[in-house]
Amino acid sequence: YISPGECQISYNPLQMALIWNSLATRD
């Protein structure tokens, strides 16, 4: 969905979820 001709900015849901994963696992 991300391109200058479609949506120029986008939520980064994978990074968000994996930040929480890292805090829980300490990994």
PDB file of all heavy atoms in Angstrom:
ATOM      1  N   TYR A   1       0.812  -1.218   0.000  1.00  0.00           N
ATOM      2  CA  TYR A   1       0.000   0.000   0.000  1.00  0.00           C
ATOM      3  C   TYR A   1       0.850   1.275   0.000  1.00  0.00           C
ATOM      4  O   TYR A   1       0.301   2.374  -0.099  1.00  0.00           O
ATOM      5  CB  TYR A   1      -0.902   0.018   1.232  1.00  0.00           C
ATOM      6  CG  TYR A   1      -1.984  -1.032   1.197  1.00  0.00           C
ATOM      7  CD1 TYR A   1      -1.773  -2.294   1.739  1.00  0.00           C
ATOM      8  CD2 TYR A   1      -3.212  -0.773   0.606  1.00  0.00           C
ATOM      9  CE1 TYR A   1      -2.756  -3.266   1.699  1.00  0.00           C
ATOM     10  CE2 TYR A   1      -4.206  -1.741   0.560  1.00  0.00           C
ATOM     11  CZ  TYR A   1      -3.961  -2.993   1.104  1.00  0.00           C
ATOM     12  OH  TYR A   1      -4.939  -3.961   1.055  1.00  0.00           O
ATOM     13  N   ILE A   2       2.165   1.125   0.129  1.00  0.00           N
ATOM     14  CA  ILE A   2       3.024   2.279   0.383  1.00  0.00           C
ATOM     15  C   ILE A   2       3.784   2.660  -0.883  1.00  0.00           C
ATOM     16  O   ILE A   2       4.613   1.900  -1.383  1.00  0.00           O
ATOM     17  CB  ILE A   2       4.022   1.967   1.512  1.00  0.00           C
ATOM     18  CG1 ILE A   2       3.294   1.411   2.744  1.00  0.00           C
ATOM     19  CG2 ILE A   2       4.813   3.218   1.877  1.00  0.00           C
ATOM     20  CD1 ILE A   2       4.214   0.812   3.781  1.00  0.00           C
ATOM     21  N   SER A   3       3.491   3.830  -1.411  1.00  0.00           N
ATOM     22  CA  SER A   3       4.242   4.386  -2.543  1.00  0.00           C
ATOM     23  C   SER A   3       3.823   5.840  -2.685  1.00  0.00           C
ATOM     24  O   SER A   3       2.749   6.231  -2.206  1.00  0.00           O
ATOM     25  CB  SER A   3       3.949   3.622  -3.842  1.00  0.00           C
ATOM     26  OG  SER A   3       2.677   3.972  -4.353  1.00  0.00           O
ATOM     27  N   PRO A   4       4.630   6.670  -3.353  1.00  0.00           N
ATOM     28  CA  PRO A   4       4.206   8.062  -3.563  1.00  0.00           C
ATOM     29  C   PRO A   4       2.891   8.167  -4.318  1.00  0.00           C
ATOM     30  O   PRO A   4       2.166   9.147  -4.164  1.00  0.00           O
ATOM     31  CB  PRO A   4       5.372   8.660  -4.368  1.00  0.00           C
ATOM     32  CG  PRO A   4       6.547   7.809  -4.022  1.00  0.00           C
ATOM     33  CD  PRO A   4       6.000   6.425  -3.846  1.00  0.00           C
ATOM     34  N   GLY A   5       2.570   7.151  -5.126  1.00  0.00           N
ATOM     35  CA  GLY A   5       1.339   7.173  -5.898  1.00  0.00           C
ATOM     36  C   GLY A   5       0.167   6.498  -5.230  1.00  0.00           C
ATOM     37  O   GLY A   5      -0.905   6.386  -5.822  1.00  0.00           O
ATOM     38  N   GLU A   6       0.337   6.034  -3.992  1.00  0.00           N
ATOM     39  CA  GLU A   6      -0.767   5.385  -3.287  1.00  0.00           C
ATOM     40  C   GLU A   6      -0.875   6.007  -1.897  1.00  0.00           C
ATOM     41  O   GLU A   6      -1.458   7.070  -1.743  1.00  0.00           O
ATOM     42  CB  GLU A   6      -0.550   3.870  -3.242  1.00  0.00           C
ATOM     43  CG  GLU A   6      -1.793   3.090  -2.844  1.00  0.00           C
ATOM     44  CD  GLU A   6      -1.725   1.612  -3.220  1.00  0.00           C
ATOM     45  OE1 GLU A   6      -1.033   1.247  -4.186  1.00  0.00           O
ATOM     46  OE2 GLU A   6      -2.392   0.819  -2.539  1.00  0.00           O
ATOM     47  N   CYS A   7      -0.308   5.402  -0.886  1.00  0.00           N
ATOM     48  CA  CYS A   7      -0.271   5.997   0.448  1.00  0.00           C
ATOM     49  C   CYS A   7       1.184   6.352   0.751  1.00  0.00           C
ATOM     50  O   CYS A   7       2.045   5.471   0.756  1.00  0.00           O
ATOM     51  CB  CYS A   7      -0.809   5.032   1.493  1.00  0.00           C
ATOM     52  SG  CYS A   7      -2.567   4.658   1.303  1.00  0.00           S
ATOM     53  N   GLN A   8       1.420   7.625   1.022  1.00  0.00           N
ATOM     54  CA  GLN A   8       2.797   8.088   1.207  1.00  0.00           C
ATOM     55  C   GLN A   8       3.363   7.657   2.554  1.00  0.00           C
ATOM     56  O   GLN A   8       4.579   7.484   2.684  1.00  0.00           O
ATOM     57  CB  GLN A   8       2.862   9.614   1.080  1.00  0.00           C
ATOM     58  CG  GLN A   8       2.538  10.138  -0.302  1.00  0.00           C
ATOM     59  CD  GLN A   8       1.051  10.353  -0.534  1.00  0.00           C
ATOM     60  OE1 GLN A   8       0.209  10.001   0.292  1.00  0.00           O
ATOM     61  NE2 GLN A   8       0.710  10.939  -1.673  1.00  0.00           N
ATOM     62  N   ILE A   9       2.509   7.520   3.549  1.00  0.00           N
ATOM     63  CA  ILE A   9       2.971   7.063   4.853  1.00  0.00           C
ATOM     64  C   ILE A   9       2.075   5.919   5.310  1.00  0.00           C
ATOM     65  O   ILE A   9       0.939   5.772   4.836  1.00  0.00           O
ATOM     66  CB  ILE A   9       3.019   8.194   5.910  1.00  0.00           C
ATOM     67  CG1 ILE A   9       1.629   8.801   6.140  1.00  0.00           C
ATOM     68  CG2 ILE A   9       4.010   9.271   5.482  1.00  0.00           C
ATOM     69  CD1 ILE A   9       1.604   9.881   7.220  1.00  0.00           C
ATOM     70  N   SER A  10       2.604   5.108   6.208  1.00  0.00           N
ATOM     71  CA  SER A  10       1.855   3.931   6.650  1.00  0.00           C
ATOM     72  C   SER A  10       2.227   3.579   8.069  1.00  0.00           C
ATOM     73  O   SER A  10       3.389   3.673   8.460  1.00  0.00           O
ATOM     74  CB  SER A  10       2.162   2.732   5.747  1.00  0.00           C
ATOM     75  OG  SER A  10       1.603   1.530   6.280  1.00  0.00           O
ATOM     76  N   TYR A  11       1.235   3.150   8.835  1.00  0.00           N
ATOM     77  CA  TYR A  11       1.535   2.530  10.113  1.00  0.00           C
ATOM     78  C   TYR A  11       2.491   1.360   9.905  1.00  0.00           C
ATOM     79  O   TYR A  11       2.465   0.687   8.876  1.00  0.00           O
ATOM     80  CB  TYR A  11       0.262   1.990  10.765  1.00  0.00           C
ATOM     81  CG  TYR A  11      -0.611   3.043  11.389  1.00  0.00           C
ATOM     82  CD1 TYR A  11      -1.856   3.350  10.844  1.00  0.00           C
ATOM     83  CD2 TYR A  11      -0.212   3.716  12.526  1.00  0.00           C
ATOM     84  CE1 TYR A  11      -2.677   4.308  11.419  1.00  0.00           C
ATOM     85  CE2 TYR A  11      -1.021   4.670  13.111  1.00  0.00           C
ATOM     86  CZ  TYR A  11      -2.249   4.966  12.553  1.00  0.00           C
ATOM     87  OH  TYR A  11      -3.045   5.915  13.128  1.00  0.00           O
ATOM     88  N   ASN A  12       3.311   1.120  10.925  1.00  0.00           N
ATOM     89  CA  ASN A  12       4.283   0.027  10.889  1.00  0.00           C
ATOM     90  C   ASN A  12       3.862  -1.021  11.923  1.00  0.00           C
ATOM     91  O   ASN A  12       4.468  -1.147  12.991  1.00  0.00           O
ATOM     92  CB  ASN A  12       5.680   0.572  11.204  1.00  0.00           C
ATOM     93  CG  ASN A  12       6.785  -0.400  10.865  1.00  0.00           C
ATOM     94  OD1 ASN A  12       6.535  -1.565  10.562  1.00  0.00           O
ATOM     95  ND2 ASN A  12       8.020   0.054  10.930  1.00  0.00           N
ATOM     96  N   PRO A  13       2.796  -1.795  11.620  1.00  0.00           N
ATOM     97  CA  PRO A  13       2.252  -2.691  12.647  1.00  0.00           C
ATOM     98  C   PRO A  13       3.189  -3.828  13.027  1.00  0.00           C
ATOM     99  O   PRO A  13       3.148  -4.309  14.158  1.00  0.00           O
ATOM    100  CB  PRO A  13       0.966  -3.223  12.006  1.00  0.00           C
ATOM    101  CG  PRO A  13       1.191  -3.089  10.529  1.00  0.00           C
ATOM    102  CD  PRO A  13       2.038  -1.859  10.366  1.00  0.00           C
ATOM    103  N   LEU A  14       4.036  -4.255  12.096  1.00  0.00           N
ATOM    104  CA  LEU A  14       4.953  -5.347  12.421  1.00  0.00           C
ATOM    105  C   LEU A  14       5.968  -4.896  13.461  1.00  0.00           C
ATOM    106  O   LEU A  14       6.222  -5.604  14.447  1.00  0.00           O
ATOM    107  CB  LEU A  14       5.662  -5.833  11.155  1.00  0.00           C
ATOM    108  CG  LEU A  14       6.673  -6.961  11.359  1.00  0.00           C
ATOM    109  CD1 LEU A  14       5.992  -8.210  11.900  1.00  0.00           C
ATOM    110  CD2 LEU A  14       7.413  -7.263  10.060  1.00  0.00           C
ATOM    111  N   GLN A  15       6.553  -3.708  13.268  1.00  0.00           N
ATOM    112  CA  GLN A  15       7.519  -3.220  14.250  1.00  0.00           C
ATOM    113  C   GLN A  15       6.861  -3.047  15.613  1.00  0.00           C
ATOM    114  O   GLN A  15       7.433  -3.416  16.643  1.00  0.00           O
ATOM    115  CB  GLN A  15       8.132  -1.891  13.795  1.00  0.00           C
ATOM    116  CG  GLN A  15       9.104  -1.314  14.807  1.00  0.00           C
ATOM    117  CD  GLN A  15       9.860  -0.106  14.289  1.00  0.00           C
ATOM    118  OE1 GLN A  15      10.692  -0.220  13.399  1.00  0.00           O
ATOM    119  NE2 GLN A  15       9.556   1.061  14.830  1.00  0.00           N
ATOM    120  N   MET A  16       5.650  -2.496  15.626  1.00  0.00           N
ATOM    121  CA  MET A  16       4.939  -2.314  16.891  1.00  0.00           C
ATOM    122  C   MET A  16       4.772  -3.647  17.612  1.00  0.00           C
ATOM    123  O   MET A  16       5.111  -3.785  18.795  1.00  0.00           O
ATOM    124  CB  MET A  16       3.578  -1.677  16.619  1.00  0.00           C
ATOM    125  CG  MET A  16       2.719  -1.422  17.847  1.00  0.00           C
ATOM    126  SD  MET A  16       1.702  -2.824  18.367  1.00  0.00           S
ATOM    127  CE  MET A  16       0.572  -2.983  16.983  1.00  0.00           C
ATOM    128  N   ALA A  17       4.259  -4.653  16.890  1.00  0.00           N
ATOM    129  CA  ALA A  17       4.003  -5.942  17.528  1.00  0.00           C
ATOM    130  C   ALA A  17       5.287  -6.588  18.028  1.00  0.00           C
ATOM    131  O   ALA A  17       5.323  -7.189  19.110  1.00  0.00           O
ATOM    132  CB  ALA A  17       3.294  -6.870  16.542  1.00  0.00           C
ATOM    133  N   LEU A  18       6.365  -6.430  17.253  1.00  0.00           N
ATOM    134  CA  LEU A  18       7.608  -7.098  17.628  1.00  0.00           C
ATOM    135  C   LEU A  18       8.368  -6.349  18.720  1.00  0.00           C
ATOM    136  O   LEU A  18       9.193  -6.945  19.421  1.00  0.00           O
ATOM    137  CB  LEU A  18       8.482  -7.311  16.392  1.00  0.00           C
ATOM    138  CG  LEU A  18       7.884  -8.318  15.389  1.00  0.00           C
ATOM    139  CD1 LEU A  18       8.812  -8.503  14.201  1.00  0.00           C
ATOM    140  CD2 LEU A  18       7.595  -9.663  16.057  1.00  0.00           C
ATOM    141  N   ILE A  19       8.109  -5.065  18.904  1.00  0.00           N
ATOM    142  CA  ILE A  19       8.625  -4.382  20.095  1.00  0.00           C
ATOM    143  C   ILE A  19       8.036  -5.043  21.342  1.00  0.00           C
ATOM    144  O   ILE A  19       8.750  -5.376  22.299  1.00  0.00           O
ATOM    145  CB  ILE A  19       8.300  -2.874  20.064  1.00  0.00           C
ATOM    146  CG1 ILE A  19       9.173  -2.153  19.024  1.00  0.00           C
ATOM    147  CG2 ILE A  19       8.506  -2.243  21.448  1.00  0.00           C
ATOM    148  CD1 ILE A  19       8.775  -0.690  18.801  1.00  0.00           C
ATOM    149  N   TRP A  20       6.710  -5.266  21.319  1.00  0.00           N
ATOM    150  CA  TRP A  20       6.068  -5.904  22.466  1.00  0.00           C
ATOM    151  C   TRP A  20       6.541  -7.346  22.633  1.00  0.00           C
ATOM    152  O   TRP A  20       6.727  -7.817  23.768  1.00  0.00           O
ATOM    153  CB  TRP A  20       4.549  -5.835  22.326  1.00  0.00           C
ATOM    154  CG  TRP A  20       4.040  -4.440  22.497  1.00  0.00           C
ATOM    155  CD1 TRP A  20       3.559  -3.606  21.531  1.00  0.00           C
ATOM    156  CD2 TRP A  20       4.001  -3.687  23.716  1.00  0.00           C
ATOM    157  NE1 TRP A  20       3.218  -2.389  22.066  1.00  0.00           N
ATOM    158  CE2 TRP A  20       3.477  -2.415  23.407  1.00  0.00           C
ATOM    159  CE3 TRP A  20       4.345  -3.970  25.032  1.00  0.00           C
ATOM    160  CZ2 TRP A  20       3.294  -1.428  24.372  1.00  0.00           C
ATOM    161  CZ3 TRP A  20       4.166  -2.986  25.992  1.00  0.00           C
ATOM    162  CH2 TRP A  20       3.651  -1.736  25.666  1.00  0.00           C
ATOM    163  N   ASN A  21       6.753  -8.039  21.521  1.00  0.00           N
ATOM    164  CA  ASN A  21       7.299  -9.392  21.599  1.00  0.00           C
ATOM    165  C   ASN A  21       8.661  -9.378  22.291  1.00  0.00           C
ATOM    166  O   ASN A  21       8.945 -10.211  23.161  1.00  0.00           O
ATOM    167  CB  ASN A  21       7.426  -9.976  20.194  1.00  0.00           C
ATOM    168  CG  ASN A  21       8.214 -11.270  20.174  1.00  0.00           C
ATOM    169  OD1 ASN A  21       7.722 -12.326  20.533  1.00  0.00           O
ATOM    170  ND2 ASN A  21       9.478 -11.181  19.769  1.00  0.00           N
ATOM    171  N   SER A  22       9.513  -8.422  21.910  1.00  0.00           N
ATOM    172  CA  SER A  22      10.861  -8.359  22.484  1.00  0.00           C
ATOM    173  C   SER A  22      10.837  -8.047  23.970  1.00  0.00           C
ATOM    174  O   SER A  22      11.643  -8.575  24.738  1.00  0.00           O
ATOM    175  CB  SER A  22      11.694  -7.311  21.740  1.00  0.00           C
ATOM    176  OG  SER A  22      11.876  -7.673  20.389  1.00  0.00           O
ATOM    177  N   LEU A  23       9.910  -7.181  24.389  1.00  0.00           N
ATOM    178  CA  LEU A  23       9.819  -6.861  25.816  1.00  0.00           C
ATOM    179  C   LEU A  23       9.376  -8.077  26.624  1.00  0.00           C
ATOM    180  O   LEU A  23       9.836  -8.281  27.751  1.00  0.00           O
ATOM    181  CB  LEU A  23       8.848  -5.700  26.031  1.00  0.00           C
ATOM    182  CG  LEU A  23       9.289  -4.335  25.482  1.00  0.00           C
ATOM    183  CD1 LEU A  23       8.188  -3.305  25.692  1.00  0.00           C
ATOM    184  CD2 LEU A  23      10.589  -3.864  26.118  1.00  0.00           C
ATOM    185  N   ALA A  24       8.482  -8.887  26.050  1.00  0.00           N
ATOM    186  CA  ALA A  24       8.013 -10.075  26.770  1.00  0.00           C
ATOM    187  C   ALA A  24       9.059 -11.172  26.808  1.00  0.00           C
ATOM    188  O   ALA A  24       9.259 -11.820  27.846  1.00  0.00           O
ATOM    189  CB  ALA A  24       6.730 -10.599  26.118  1.00  0.00           C
ATOM    190  N   THR A  25       9.751 -11.393  25.694  1.00  0.00           N
ATOM    191  CA  THR A  25      10.701 -12.510  25.593  1.00  0.00           C
ATOM    192  C   THR A  25      12.103 -12.129  26.022  1.00  0.00           C
ATOM    193  O   THR A  25      12.943 -13.001  26.259  1.00  0.00           O
ATOM    194  CB  THR A  25      10.761 -13.019  24.150  1.00  0.00           C
ATOM    195  OG1 THR A  25      11.248 -11.971  23.296  1.00  0.00           O
ATOM    196  CG2 THR A  25       9.397 -13.491  23.664  1.00  0.00           C
ATOM    197  N   ARG A  26      12.389 -10.808  26.082  1.00  0.00           N
ATOM    198  CA  ARG A  26      13.736 -10.275  26.322  1.00  0.00           C
ATOM    199  C   ARG A  26      14.692 -10.689  25.190  1.00  0.00           C
ATOM    200  O   ARG A  26      15.901 -10.702  25.348  1.00  0.00           O
ATOM    201  CB  ARG A  26      14.324 -10.733  27.654  1.00  0.00           C
ATOM    202  CG  ARG A  26      13.760 -10.038  28.887  1.00  0.00           C
ATOM    203  CD  ARG A  26      12.361 -10.449  29.244  1.00  0.00           C
ATOM    204  NE  ARG A  26      12.045 -10.063  30.633  1.00  0.00           N
ATOM    205  CZ  ARG A  26      10.876 -10.300  31.205  1.00  0.00           C
ATOM    206  NH1 ARG A  26       9.902 -10.905  30.526  1.00  0.00           N
ATOM    207  NH2 ARG A  26      10.674  -9.947  32.460  1.00  0.00           N
ATOM    208  N   ASP A  27      14.118 -10.995  24.034  1.00  0.00           N
ATOM    209  CA  ASP A  27      14.879 -11.493  22.894  1.00  0.00           C
ATOM    210  C   ASP A  27      14.631 -10.551  21.721  1.00  0.00           C
ATOM    211  O   ASP A  27      13.481 -10.299  21.350  1.00  0.00           O
ATOM    212  CB  ASP A  27      14.403 -12.911  22.550  1.00  0.00           C
ATOM    213  CG  ASP A  27      15.295 -13.612  21.530  1.00  0.00           C
ATOM    214  OD1 ASP A  27      15.804 -12.939  20.617  1.00  0.00           O
ATOM    215  OD2 ASP A  27      15.463 -14.841  21.644  1.00  0.00           O
TER     216      ASP A  27
END
